[in-house]
Protein backbone atom coordinates (compact mmCIF):
# COMPACT_ATOMS: atom_id res chain seq x y z
CA MET A 1 -88.33 -35.07 -74.75
CA ARG A 2 -86.92 -37.77 -76.98
CA LYS A 3 -83.47 -38.91 -75.96
CA VAL A 4 -80.88 -38.99 -78.75
CA ARG A 5 -78.91 -42.21 -78.87
CA PRO A 6 -75.12 -41.69 -78.92
CA LEU A 7 -73.12 -42.71 -81.96
CA THR A 8 -71.40 -46.05 -81.35
CA VAL A 9 -68.69 -48.01 -83.13
CA HIS A 10 -71.43 -50.26 -84.54
CA HIS A 11 -73.10 -47.25 -86.14
CA LEU A 12 -69.73 -46.18 -87.51
CA ASN A 13 -69.20 -49.60 -89.08
CA GLU A 14 -72.59 -49.44 -90.76
CA LEU A 15 -71.93 -45.92 -92.00
CA LEU A 16 -68.51 -46.85 -93.40
CA LEU A 17 -69.99 -49.87 -95.18
CA VAL A 18 -72.77 -47.85 -96.79
CA CYS A 19 -70.47 -44.97 -97.80
CA SER A 20 -67.84 -47.28 -99.29
CA LEU A 21 -70.48 -49.18 -101.28
CA VAL A 22 -71.91 -45.90 -102.56
CA LEU A 23 -68.43 -44.78 -103.63
CA LEU A 24 -67.76 -48.06 -105.45
CA VAL A 25 -71.09 -47.88 -107.28
CA ALA A 26 -70.35 -44.24 -108.13
CA VAL A 27 -66.95 -45.14 -109.56
CA ALA A 28 -68.57 -47.84 -111.69
CA ALA A 29 -71.16 -45.26 -112.78
CA VAL A 30 -68.38 -43.11 -114.26
CA ARG A 31 -67.57 -45.97 -116.62
CA LEU A 32 -71.24 -46.26 -117.58
CA SER A 33 -71.43 -42.52 -118.08
CA SER A 34 -68.40 -42.44 -120.39
CA ARG A 35 -69.92 -45.16 -122.57
CA SER A 36 -73.50 -43.88 -122.67
CA GLY A 37 -72.82 -40.14 -122.74
CA LEU A 38 -75.14 -39.67 -119.75
CA PRO A 39 -73.83 -36.94 -117.40
CA THR A 40 -72.44 -38.40 -114.17
CA LEU A 41 -74.31 -35.94 -112.00
CA LEU A 42 -77.60 -37.51 -113.09
CA LEU A 43 -76.37 -40.96 -112.09
CA TYR A 44 -75.28 -39.70 -108.68
CA LEU A 45 -78.55 -37.85 -108.14
CA GLY A 46 -80.36 -41.04 -109.16
CA MET A 47 -78.40 -42.98 -106.55
CA GLY A 48 -79.50 -40.51 -103.89
CA VAL A 49 -83.14 -40.71 -105.00
CA ALA A 50 -82.93 -44.54 -104.98
CA LEU A 51 -81.69 -44.46 -101.39
CA GLY A 52 -84.34 -41.92 -100.31
CA THR A 53 -87.88 -42.11 -99.03
CA ASP A 54 -89.37 -43.29 -102.33
CA GLY A 55 -86.60 -45.86 -102.80
CA LEU A 56 -84.92 -47.85 -100.04
CA GLY A 57 -86.61 -45.71 -97.43
CA VAL A 58 -83.73 -43.63 -96.04
CA THR A 59 -85.36 -40.52 -94.52
CA PHE A 60 -83.34 -37.32 -94.89
CA ASP A 61 -84.79 -33.80 -94.84
CA ASN A 62 -82.03 -31.70 -93.26
CA ALA A 63 -81.65 -28.79 -95.68
CA GLU A 64 -79.21 -26.97 -93.41
CA LEU A 65 -76.79 -29.92 -93.28
CA THR A 66 -77.11 -30.33 -97.05
CA GLN A 67 -76.23 -26.67 -97.54
CA VAL A 68 -73.16 -26.93 -95.28
CA ILE A 69 -71.88 -30.09 -96.99
CA GLY A 70 -72.71 -28.61 -100.39
CA TYR A 71 -70.66 -25.49 -99.64
CA ALA A 72 -67.72 -27.64 -98.51
CA ALA A 73 -67.98 -29.73 -101.68
CA LEU A 74 -68.08 -26.60 -103.85
CA VAL A 75 -64.89 -25.36 -102.18
CA VAL A 76 -63.11 -28.60 -103.15
CA ILE A 77 -64.55 -28.58 -106.69
CA LEU A 78 -63.54 -24.95 -107.29
CA ALA A 79 -60.07 -25.66 -105.88
CA GLU A 80 -59.65 -28.65 -108.20
CA GLY A 81 -60.86 -26.59 -111.15
CA GLY A 82 -58.51 -23.71 -110.37
CA LEU A 83 -55.52 -26.04 -109.96
CA GLY A 84 -56.22 -27.55 -113.38
CA THR A 85 -56.78 -24.26 -115.22
CA LYS A 86 -53.86 -22.99 -117.29
CA TRP A 87 -53.25 -19.27 -116.96
CA ARG A 88 -52.08 -18.87 -120.54
CA GLU A 89 -55.41 -20.23 -121.76
CA ILE A 90 -57.73 -18.12 -119.62
CA LYS A 91 -55.68 -14.90 -119.61
CA PRO A 92 -57.05 -13.70 -123.00
CA ALA A 93 -60.55 -14.77 -121.90
CA LEU A 94 -60.64 -12.92 -118.55
CA PRO A 95 -62.48 -9.77 -119.74
CA THR A 96 -65.17 -11.80 -121.49
CA ALA A 97 -65.52 -14.22 -118.56
CA ALA A 98 -65.75 -11.32 -116.10
CA ALA A 99 -68.51 -9.73 -118.19
CA LEU A 100 -70.43 -13.02 -118.35
CA SER A 101 -70.08 -13.45 -114.58
CA THR A 102 -71.47 -9.98 -113.78
CA ALA A 103 -73.48 -8.32 -116.53
CA GLY A 104 -74.42 -11.69 -117.99
CA VAL A 105 -75.67 -12.94 -114.62
CA ALA A 106 -77.75 -9.77 -114.16
CA VAL A 107 -79.42 -10.20 -117.56
CA SER A 108 -80.06 -13.89 -116.94
CA VAL A 109 -81.55 -13.25 -113.49
CA GLY A 110 -83.90 -10.58 -114.81
CA VAL A 111 -85.18 -12.55 -117.81
CA THR A 112 -85.56 -15.83 -115.89
CA ALA A 113 -87.30 -14.13 -112.97
CA ALA A 114 -89.78 -12.49 -115.36
CA ALA A 115 -90.53 -15.92 -116.87
CA ALA A 116 -91.05 -17.43 -113.40
CA HIS A 117 -93.37 -14.56 -112.39
CA TYR A 118 -95.46 -14.15 -115.53
CA GLY A 119 -95.22 -17.66 -116.95
CA VAL A 120 -95.50 -19.73 -113.78
CA GLY A 121 -97.24 -17.29 -111.42
CA LEU A 122 -94.66 -17.11 -108.64
CA ASP A 123 -94.36 -14.04 -106.44
CA TRP A 124 -91.53 -11.70 -107.35
CA ARG A 125 -89.37 -12.75 -104.39
CA GLN A 126 -89.60 -16.43 -105.30
CA ALA A 127 -89.15 -15.60 -108.98
CA LEU A 128 -85.99 -13.59 -108.27
CA ILE A 129 -84.61 -16.41 -106.12
CA ILE A 130 -85.14 -18.93 -108.93
CA GLY A 131 -83.62 -16.53 -111.46
CA ALA A 132 -80.52 -16.08 -109.31
CA VAL A 133 -80.21 -19.77 -108.42
CA VAL A 134 -80.24 -21.07 -112.01
CA SER A 135 -78.13 -18.27 -113.52
CA SER A 136 -74.87 -19.77 -112.27
CA THR A 137 -73.10 -22.29 -114.48
CA ASP A 138 -71.80 -25.30 -112.59
CA ALA A 139 -68.02 -25.62 -112.28
CA ALA A 140 -68.08 -29.41 -111.92
CA ALA A 141 -70.29 -29.87 -114.99
CA VAL A 142 -68.29 -27.44 -117.11
CA PHE A 143 -64.89 -28.86 -116.12
CA SER A 144 -65.98 -32.48 -116.73
CA VAL A 145 -67.58 -31.76 -120.13
CA LEU A 146 -64.71 -29.59 -121.39
CA ARG A 147 -62.28 -32.44 -120.72
CA LYS A 148 -64.19 -34.49 -123.30
CA VAL A 149 -64.80 -31.77 -125.93
CA PRO A 150 -61.67 -30.45 -127.72
CA LEU A 151 -62.78 -26.82 -128.03
CA PRO A 152 -60.47 -23.93 -128.99
CA LYS A 153 -58.45 -22.78 -126.00
CA ARG A 154 -60.09 -19.33 -126.03
CA LEU A 155 -63.57 -20.79 -125.63
CA THR A 156 -62.38 -23.27 -123.02
CA GLY A 157 -60.78 -20.41 -121.10
CA ILE A 158 -63.98 -18.33 -121.18
CA LEU A 159 -66.17 -21.19 -119.95
CA GLU A 160 -63.74 -22.30 -117.24
CA ALA A 161 -63.19 -18.78 -115.92
CA GLU A 162 -66.91 -17.97 -116.04
CA SER A 163 -67.84 -21.08 -114.05
CA GLY A 164 -65.16 -20.24 -111.50
CA PHE A 165 -66.20 -16.58 -111.18
CA ASN A 166 -69.99 -16.53 -111.35
CA ASP A 167 -70.68 -18.55 -108.18
CA ALA A 168 -69.65 -15.55 -106.07
CA PRO A 169 -72.16 -12.91 -107.29
CA VAL A 170 -74.95 -15.49 -107.54
CA VAL A 171 -74.50 -16.62 -103.92
CA ILE A 172 -74.67 -12.98 -102.81
CA LEU A 173 -77.89 -12.45 -104.78
CA VAL A 174 -79.57 -15.62 -103.50
CA VAL A 175 -78.72 -14.77 -99.87
CA ALA A 176 -80.02 -11.22 -100.35
CA PHE A 177 -83.29 -12.36 -101.95
CA SER A 178 -83.78 -15.05 -99.26
CA SER A 179 -83.30 -12.73 -96.29
CA GLN A 180 -86.26 -11.70 -94.17
CA GLY A 181 -87.66 -8.22 -94.74
CA ALA A 182 -87.48 -5.95 -97.75
CA ILE A 183 -84.90 -6.49 -100.46
CA ASP A 184 -82.14 -3.87 -100.55
CA PRO A 185 -82.17 -1.29 -103.38
CA TRP A 186 -80.34 -2.40 -106.50
CA TYR A 187 -77.50 0.10 -106.10
CA LEU A 188 -76.74 -1.10 -102.56
CA MET A 189 -76.79 -4.68 -103.79
CA ILE A 190 -74.36 -3.88 -106.61
CA GLY A 191 -72.06 -2.11 -104.16
CA GLU A 192 -72.12 -5.10 -101.82
CA ILE A 193 -71.34 -7.49 -104.68
CA VAL A 194 -68.41 -5.34 -105.86
CA LEU A 195 -67.01 -5.04 -102.34
CA GLU A 196 -67.27 -8.77 -101.59
CA LEU A 197 -65.70 -9.69 -104.93
CA ALA A 198 -62.84 -7.25 -104.36
CA ILE A 199 -62.14 -8.60 -100.86
CA GLY A 200 -62.32 -12.20 -102.05
CA ALA A 201 -60.05 -11.54 -105.03
CA ALA A 202 -57.43 -9.75 -102.92
CA ILE A 203 -57.35 -12.47 -100.27
CA GLY A 204 -57.32 -15.30 -102.82
CA LEU A 205 -54.45 -13.83 -104.85
CA ALA A 206 -52.44 -13.02 -101.72
CA ILE A 207 -52.83 -16.45 -100.13
CA GLY A 208 -52.18 -18.20 -103.45
CA TRP A 209 -48.96 -16.25 -103.98
CA LEU A 210 -47.74 -16.74 -100.39
CA GLY A 211 -48.55 -20.45 -100.50
CA SER A 212 -46.74 -20.92 -103.81
CA TYR A 213 -43.71 -19.00 -102.56
CA ALA A 214 -43.47 -21.16 -99.45
CA LEU A 215 -44.00 -24.51 -101.19
CA ARG A 216 -41.34 -23.80 -103.80
CA ARG A 217 -38.73 -23.01 -101.17
CA VAL A 218 -39.46 -25.43 -98.33
CA ALA A 219 -38.48 -29.07 -98.82
CA LEU A 220 -41.11 -31.17 -97.01
CA PRO A 221 -39.95 -34.55 -95.65
CA ALA A 222 -42.40 -36.55 -97.82
CA SER A 223 -43.76 -35.91 -101.32
CA GLY A 224 -47.26 -36.89 -100.17
CA LEU A 225 -47.39 -33.80 -97.95
CA TYR A 226 -47.35 -31.40 -100.91
CA PRO A 227 -50.89 -32.25 -102.16
CA ILE A 228 -52.23 -31.95 -98.61
CA ALA A 229 -50.55 -28.56 -98.17
CA VAL A 230 -51.90 -27.26 -101.49
CA MET A 231 -55.50 -28.20 -100.67
CA ALA A 232 -55.13 -26.80 -97.14
CA ILE A 233 -53.94 -23.48 -98.55
CA ALA A 234 -56.94 -23.42 -100.91
CA VAL A 235 -59.33 -24.00 -98.01
CA VAL A 236 -57.57 -21.27 -95.99
CA ALA A 237 -58.25 -18.89 -98.89
CA TYR A 238 -61.96 -19.73 -98.81
CA ALA A 239 -62.25 -19.41 -95.04
CA GLY A 240 -60.21 -16.21 -94.96
CA GLY A 241 -62.29 -14.62 -97.69
CA ALA A 242 -65.58 -15.61 -96.05
CA LEU A 243 -64.53 -14.47 -92.55
CA ALA A 244 -63.42 -11.12 -94.00
CA HIS A 245 -66.96 -10.68 -95.42
CA GLY A 246 -65.69 -11.26 -98.94
CA SER A 247 -66.41 -13.92 -101.52
CA GLY A 248 -64.84 -17.13 -100.28
CA PHE A 249 -65.69 -18.94 -103.51
CA LEU A 250 -63.79 -16.40 -105.61
CA ALA A 251 -60.90 -16.49 -103.12
CA VAL A 252 -60.49 -20.27 -103.29
CA TYR A 253 -60.66 -20.31 -107.10
CA LEU A 254 -58.09 -17.54 -107.52
CA ALA A 255 -55.74 -19.00 -104.89
CA SER A 256 -55.90 -22.37 -106.62
CA LEU A 257 -55.38 -20.74 -110.00
CA VAL A 258 -52.21 -19.04 -108.74
CA MET A 259 -50.85 -22.26 -107.23
CA GLY A 260 -51.81 -24.28 -110.29
CA ASN A 261 -49.58 -22.12 -112.47
CA ALA A 262 -46.67 -21.71 -110.04
CA LYS A 263 -44.73 -24.88 -111.04
CA LEU A 264 -44.93 -26.37 -107.57
CA PRO A 265 -42.93 -29.47 -106.58
CA HIS A 266 -44.49 -32.91 -107.21
CA TRP A 267 -47.22 -31.33 -109.30
CA PRO A 268 -48.61 -34.48 -111.03
CA ALA A 269 -49.18 -36.06 -107.62
CA THR A 270 -50.91 -32.90 -106.41
CA ARG A 271 -53.20 -32.81 -109.45
CA GLY A 272 -54.11 -36.46 -109.00
CA PHE A 273 -54.87 -35.92 -105.31
CA ALA A 274 -57.01 -32.84 -106.03
CA GLU A 275 -58.89 -34.62 -108.81
CA GLY A 276 -59.66 -37.54 -106.50
CA LEU A 277 -60.97 -35.18 -103.81
CA GLY A 278 -63.03 -33.43 -106.48
CA TRP A 279 -64.69 -36.72 -107.44
CA ILE A 280 -65.45 -37.53 -103.80
CA ALA A 281 -66.95 -34.05 -103.33
CA GLN A 282 -69.14 -34.43 -106.41
CA ILE A 283 -70.34 -37.90 -105.43
CA GLY A 284 -71.14 -36.92 -101.87
CA MET A 285 -72.88 -33.70 -102.86
CA PHE A 286 -75.03 -35.22 -105.62
CA VAL A 287 -76.06 -38.26 -103.56
CA LEU A 288 -77.01 -36.02 -100.63
CA LEU A 289 -79.04 -33.73 -102.89
CA GLY A 290 -80.79 -36.78 -104.31
CA LEU A 291 -81.65 -37.90 -100.77
CA LEU A 292 -83.13 -34.48 -99.97
CA VAL A 293 -85.67 -34.58 -102.81
CA THR A 294 -89.00 -36.41 -102.55
CA PRO A 295 -89.85 -37.70 -106.06
CA HIS A 296 -93.63 -38.05 -105.56
CA GLU A 297 -93.80 -34.31 -104.76
CA LEU A 298 -92.25 -33.31 -108.11
CA ALA A 299 -95.23 -33.99 -110.37
CA ASP A 300 -96.84 -30.56 -109.92
CA ASP A 301 -93.57 -28.76 -110.56
CA ILE A 302 -92.50 -30.47 -113.78
CA TRP A 303 -94.30 -28.09 -116.11
CA PRO A 304 -93.13 -24.89 -114.31
CA ALA A 305 -89.56 -26.24 -114.39
CA VAL A 306 -89.79 -26.94 -118.14
CA VAL A 307 -91.14 -23.44 -118.84
CA VAL A 308 -88.53 -21.64 -116.71
CA GLY A 309 -85.73 -23.82 -118.11
CA LEU A 310 -86.83 -23.23 -121.68
CA VAL A 311 -86.75 -19.46 -121.22
CA LEU A 312 -83.39 -19.74 -119.44
CA THR A 313 -81.86 -21.88 -122.20
CA VAL A 314 -83.20 -20.25 -125.38
CA VAL A 315 -83.70 -16.64 -124.24
CA ALA A 316 -81.89 -15.66 -121.03
CA ARG A 317 -78.56 -17.40 -121.65
CA PRO A 318 -78.20 -16.32 -125.32
CA LEU A 319 -79.21 -12.76 -124.43
CA SER A 320 -76.71 -12.64 -121.56
CA VAL A 321 -73.97 -13.90 -123.89
CA LEU A 322 -74.93 -11.32 -126.54
CA VAL A 323 -74.87 -8.43 -124.06
CA SER A 324 -71.65 -9.55 -122.34
CA THR A 325 -69.66 -10.18 -125.51
CA THR A 326 -70.70 -7.00 -127.32
CA PRO A 327 -67.54 -5.06 -126.32
CA PHE A 328 -65.30 -7.95 -127.43
CA ARG A 329 -64.54 -9.56 -130.74
CA VAL A 330 -66.42 -12.85 -130.51
CA ALA A 331 -67.59 -14.64 -133.67
CA TRP A 332 -71.23 -15.63 -133.97
CA ARG A 333 -70.36 -19.33 -133.89
CA GLU A 334 -68.51 -18.84 -130.61
CA LYS A 335 -71.47 -16.90 -129.20
CA ALA A 336 -73.77 -19.75 -130.20
CA LEU A 337 -71.59 -22.32 -128.43
CA LEU A 338 -71.24 -20.15 -125.32
CA SER A 339 -75.03 -19.88 -125.24
CA TRP A 340 -75.52 -23.64 -125.39
CA ALA A 341 -72.64 -24.44 -123.03
CA GLY A 342 -74.20 -22.73 -120.00
CA LEU A 343 -74.39 -26.02 -118.10
CA ARG A 344 -76.22 -26.29 -114.79
CA GLY A 345 -75.46 -28.94 -112.21
CA ALA A 346 -75.21 -29.27 -108.46
CA VAL A 347 -74.55 -25.57 -107.80
CA PRO A 348 -78.15 -24.43 -108.50
CA ILE A 349 -79.54 -27.28 -106.38
CA VAL A 350 -77.21 -26.42 -103.48
CA LEU A 351 -78.15 -22.74 -103.79
CA ALA A 352 -81.83 -23.75 -103.73
CA THR A 353 -81.32 -24.93 -100.13
CA ILE A 354 -80.57 -21.34 -99.03
CA PRO A 355 -84.24 -20.21 -99.12
CA MET A 356 -85.20 -23.49 -97.40
CA VAL A 357 -82.82 -22.73 -94.52
CA GLY A 358 -84.09 -19.12 -94.48
CA GLU A 359 -87.70 -20.40 -94.31
CA VAL A 360 -88.78 -18.42 -97.36
CA PRO A 361 -92.43 -19.16 -98.28
CA ASP A 362 -92.75 -21.83 -101.02
CA SER A 363 -89.05 -22.69 -100.61
CA ARG A 364 -89.77 -26.41 -101.07
CA ARG A 365 -91.44 -25.63 -104.40
CA ILE A 366 -88.43 -23.53 -105.43
CA PHE A 367 -86.16 -26.49 -104.65
CA ASN A 368 -88.36 -28.90 -106.63
CA ILE A 369 -88.51 -26.60 -109.68
CA VAL A 370 -84.73 -26.15 -109.66
CA PHE A 371 -84.16 -29.90 -109.23
CA VAL A 372 -86.39 -30.83 -112.18
CA LEU A 373 -84.95 -28.03 -114.32
CA VAL A 374 -81.38 -29.23 -113.74
CA ILE A 375 -82.30 -32.84 -114.53
CA VAL A 376 -84.22 -32.09 -117.74
CA TYR A 377 -81.84 -29.59 -119.30
CA THR A 378 -78.66 -31.42 -118.27
CA LEU A 379 -80.05 -34.41 -120.15
CA ILE A 380 -80.53 -32.17 -123.19
CA GLN A 381 -77.44 -29.93 -123.13
CA GLY A 382 -74.69 -32.22 -121.80
CA PRO A 383 -74.85 -35.02 -124.41
CA THR A 384 -75.54 -32.63 -127.32
CA LEU A 385 -72.68 -30.19 -126.64
CA PRO A 386 -70.04 -32.22 -128.57
CA TRP A 387 -72.46 -32.57 -131.51
CA PHE A 388 -73.22 -28.85 -131.37
CA ALA A 389 -69.50 -27.98 -131.38
CA THR A 390 -68.99 -30.26 -134.41
CA ARG A 391 -71.89 -28.66 -136.31
CA LEU A 392 -70.44 -25.22 -135.61
CA ARG A 393 -67.00 -26.49 -136.72
CA LEU A 394 -65.42 -25.37 -133.46
CA GLU A 395 -63.72 -28.63 -132.49
CA GLU A 396 -59.96 -28.27 -132.23
CA THR A 397 -57.63 -31.02 -133.40
CA GLU A 398 -55.10 -32.21 -130.89
CA GLY A 399 -51.69 -30.59 -131.23
CA THR A 400 -48.30 -31.83 -130.17
CA ALA A 401 -48.51 -33.40 -126.72
CA ASP A 402 -46.84 -31.43 -123.96
CA LEU A 403 -44.22 -32.92 -121.70
CA GLY A 404 -45.02 -34.08 -118.18
CA ILE A 405 -42.43 -32.44 -115.91
CA GLU A 406 -42.39 -32.91 -112.13
CA SER A 407 -40.09 -30.96 -109.84
CA ALA A 408 -38.65 -32.07 -106.49
CA PRO A 409 -36.65 -29.39 -104.62
CA LEU A 410 -33.15 -30.21 -103.40
CA GLU A 411 -33.03 -27.60 -100.67
CA ARG A 412 -29.55 -28.30 -99.32
CA LEU A 413 -28.03 -28.27 -102.81
CA ARG A 414 -30.09 -25.24 -103.96
CA GLY A 415 -31.22 -27.23 -106.94
CA HIS A 416 -34.13 -29.09 -108.49
CA LEU A 417 -34.62 -32.59 -109.85
CA LEU A 418 -36.89 -32.50 -112.90
CA SER A 419 -38.63 -35.70 -113.96
CA VAL A 420 -39.44 -35.47 -117.69
CA SER A 421 -41.71 -37.92 -119.52
CA ILE A 422 -41.61 -37.92 -123.34
CA PRO A 423 -45.10 -38.69 -124.74
CA LYS A 424 -45.65 -40.40 -128.06
CA ASP A 425 -46.46 -37.18 -129.96
CA SER A 426 -43.51 -35.18 -128.64
CA ARG A 427 -40.98 -33.79 -131.11
CA MET A 428 -38.23 -34.56 -128.62
CA HIS A 429 -38.19 -38.04 -130.20
CA GLY A 430 -35.01 -38.38 -132.22
CA VAL A 431 -33.21 -35.48 -130.52
CA GLU A 432 -29.75 -36.11 -129.07
CA VAL A 433 -29.04 -35.09 -125.47
CA ALA A 434 -26.48 -32.50 -126.61
CA GLU A 435 -29.07 -31.01 -128.98
CA LEU A 436 -31.32 -30.13 -126.04
CA ARG A 437 -28.93 -27.20 -125.44
CA LEU A 438 -29.90 -26.86 -121.78
CA PRO A 439 -28.64 -23.73 -120.00
CA PRO A 440 -25.39 -23.99 -118.00
CA GLY A 441 -26.23 -25.42 -114.61
CA ALA A 442 -28.68 -28.01 -115.96
CA ALA A 443 -27.91 -31.50 -117.25
CA VAL A 444 -29.60 -34.81 -118.10
CA THR A 445 -28.27 -37.23 -115.49
CA LEU A 446 -30.33 -40.38 -116.13
CA VAL A 447 -32.54 -41.93 -118.81
CA VAL A 448 -35.10 -44.65 -118.03
CA ARG A 449 -36.03 -46.69 -121.12
CA ASP A 450 -38.05 -49.91 -121.29
CA GLY A 451 -37.68 -50.51 -117.58
CA SER A 452 -33.90 -50.04 -117.43
CA SER A 453 -31.91 -46.91 -116.60
CA PHE A 454 -28.57 -45.62 -117.84
CA VAL A 455 -26.45 -42.49 -117.76
CA PRO A 456 -26.73 -40.86 -121.20
CA LEU A 457 -23.92 -39.63 -123.41
CA PRO A 458 -24.15 -36.33 -125.30
CA SER A 459 -24.84 -38.41 -128.44
CA THR A 460 -27.66 -40.48 -126.83
CA VAL A 461 -30.80 -40.25 -128.99
CA LEU A 462 -34.00 -39.75 -127.01
CA ARG A 463 -37.09 -41.80 -127.84
CA ARG A 464 -40.80 -41.80 -127.22
CA GLY A 465 -41.63 -43.19 -123.78
CA ASP A 466 -38.26 -42.23 -122.26
CA GLU A 467 -38.16 -40.72 -118.80
CA LEU A 468 -35.37 -38.26 -118.07
CA LEU A 469 -33.98 -37.02 -114.78
CA VAL A 470 -32.65 -33.48 -115.19
CA VAL A 471 -30.75 -31.74 -112.40
CA ALA A 472 -30.96 -27.93 -112.52
CA THR A 473 -29.61 -25.30 -110.16
CA ASP A 474 -32.13 -22.91 -108.67
CA PRO A 475 -31.28 -19.88 -110.92
CA VAL A 476 -31.76 -21.82 -114.18
CA ARG A 477 -34.61 -24.12 -113.15
CA ASP A 478 -37.30 -22.15 -115.04
CA ALA A 479 -35.09 -21.66 -118.10
CA ALA A 480 -34.32 -25.40 -118.23
CA GLU A 481 -38.02 -26.33 -118.11
CA GLN A 482 -38.86 -23.74 -120.76
CA ARG A 483 -36.16 -25.13 -123.04
CA LEU A 484 -37.35 -28.71 -122.53
CA ARG A 485 -40.92 -27.74 -123.39
CA ALA A 486 -39.73 -25.81 -126.43
CA VAL A 487 -37.84 -28.84 -127.78
CA GLY A 488 -40.84 -31.04 -127.00
CA ARG A 489 -42.99 -28.83 -129.23
CA GLY A 490 -40.59 -27.72 -131.92
CA GLY A 491 -37.79 -30.29 -132.00
CA LYS A 492 -34.09 -29.58 -132.02
CA LEU A 493 -34.59 -26.40 -134.06
CA ALA A 494 -37.11 -24.92 -131.63
CA GLY A 495 -35.03 -21.83 -130.93
CA TRP A 496 -34.66 -20.90 -134.59
CA LEU A 497 -38.25 -21.85 -135.46
CA GLY A 498 -39.60 -19.58 -132.74
CA THR A 499 -41.37 -22.33 -130.81
CA GLY A 500 -41.85 -21.15 -127.26
CA GLY A 501 -41.94 -23.30 -124.22
CA GLY A 502 -44.64 -21.51 -122.22
């Protein structure tokens, strides 16, 4: 029996050096991606392939470890996506997104599996696995692309909510199809999916609400603890949902969504922390998936991947959108964009490791087909989505910039300190302090302008780039923020003009 050498400090030093260099190259790749329009996931996958057996010679074939790390990365990515999703934008889109995540997934799985069986010649089990694996849109890909494409808020809400919701039913399907023995009848599978989604949703909403309630009322000794607490609560939601035999992915997304819209203290710092963790999760997951693939084995699977991907892109996805949006009022141009915006990324590749761990026959071929499919169609869909939105005349012009408001609780005084930044497009420019008409119990105590601070007078005129410190008692904290946002959008006459501050 071969003796395993223990991990030493020397090995740790080498590992830290390699990981830090990979992170630095990955950060530089983001800059290259933004200039060239090439999706970042392809660059990260390319880095993993370059490090692998056909590149620098790093041997890695542990599918089980890849699956575990991939799941952990997806938890962080979904948490970051939920924290950055605005409830007012996705609320009108929830019915449509729910239909796309359930009925739409079912249509996509069926059509894609038929293409894999009849067009490529795979057995039905392998065909169903591929259909389920590639029917989930990738949250990381969707979130990153939508930040660059100014789509109408309704469409953005549908795509964000769909990518956050559809991981849960797809994971259940892939696990069911990859299990040993006969596949359960369809009605039992539907019942299991409904039950797991219900458990995950209940746990996610409960933990998100409890976490938000606690963080808004407990003053932690350091502001840097708030981001850590928020991410820990999100992970608790995932673990709690999974241990209760529910959907942990749905639980973490919903818990993060609740916390992201709860006006938590030190929110900008929390968002920055979560976004940084999201980038690390993406980089680590993509590089590891690139290491797992063996490029010289992909040649025989290129054509099957192109055929399955073509049917998925031009038949299955549009048909799933058409079926899912039939009960709702969705214009044909919006349906066309939703059909083209079904972006795949790391999620299908991570899910393709499930049959490998379950030792399903031809699981390596399934992984190779999914890998090539993601590469080819991400290269096609990602860069062309902005052009497609422009051709459909669905790009939305930027409106008035919203204010950046950060809250720090003053527990002993039962108050809050609001830090307000006035952006260049805000209509608060030119408004006097007295014209803010803040509710009784709230007042502007300090203005920071051009690097110097002063206590304002009621007649002080606010300018672009100013930073305000507003003290508000606990009962009027929400009303004060709403009024500030209203003035930022509608100016001094916001109340009479009907400009809300939501």
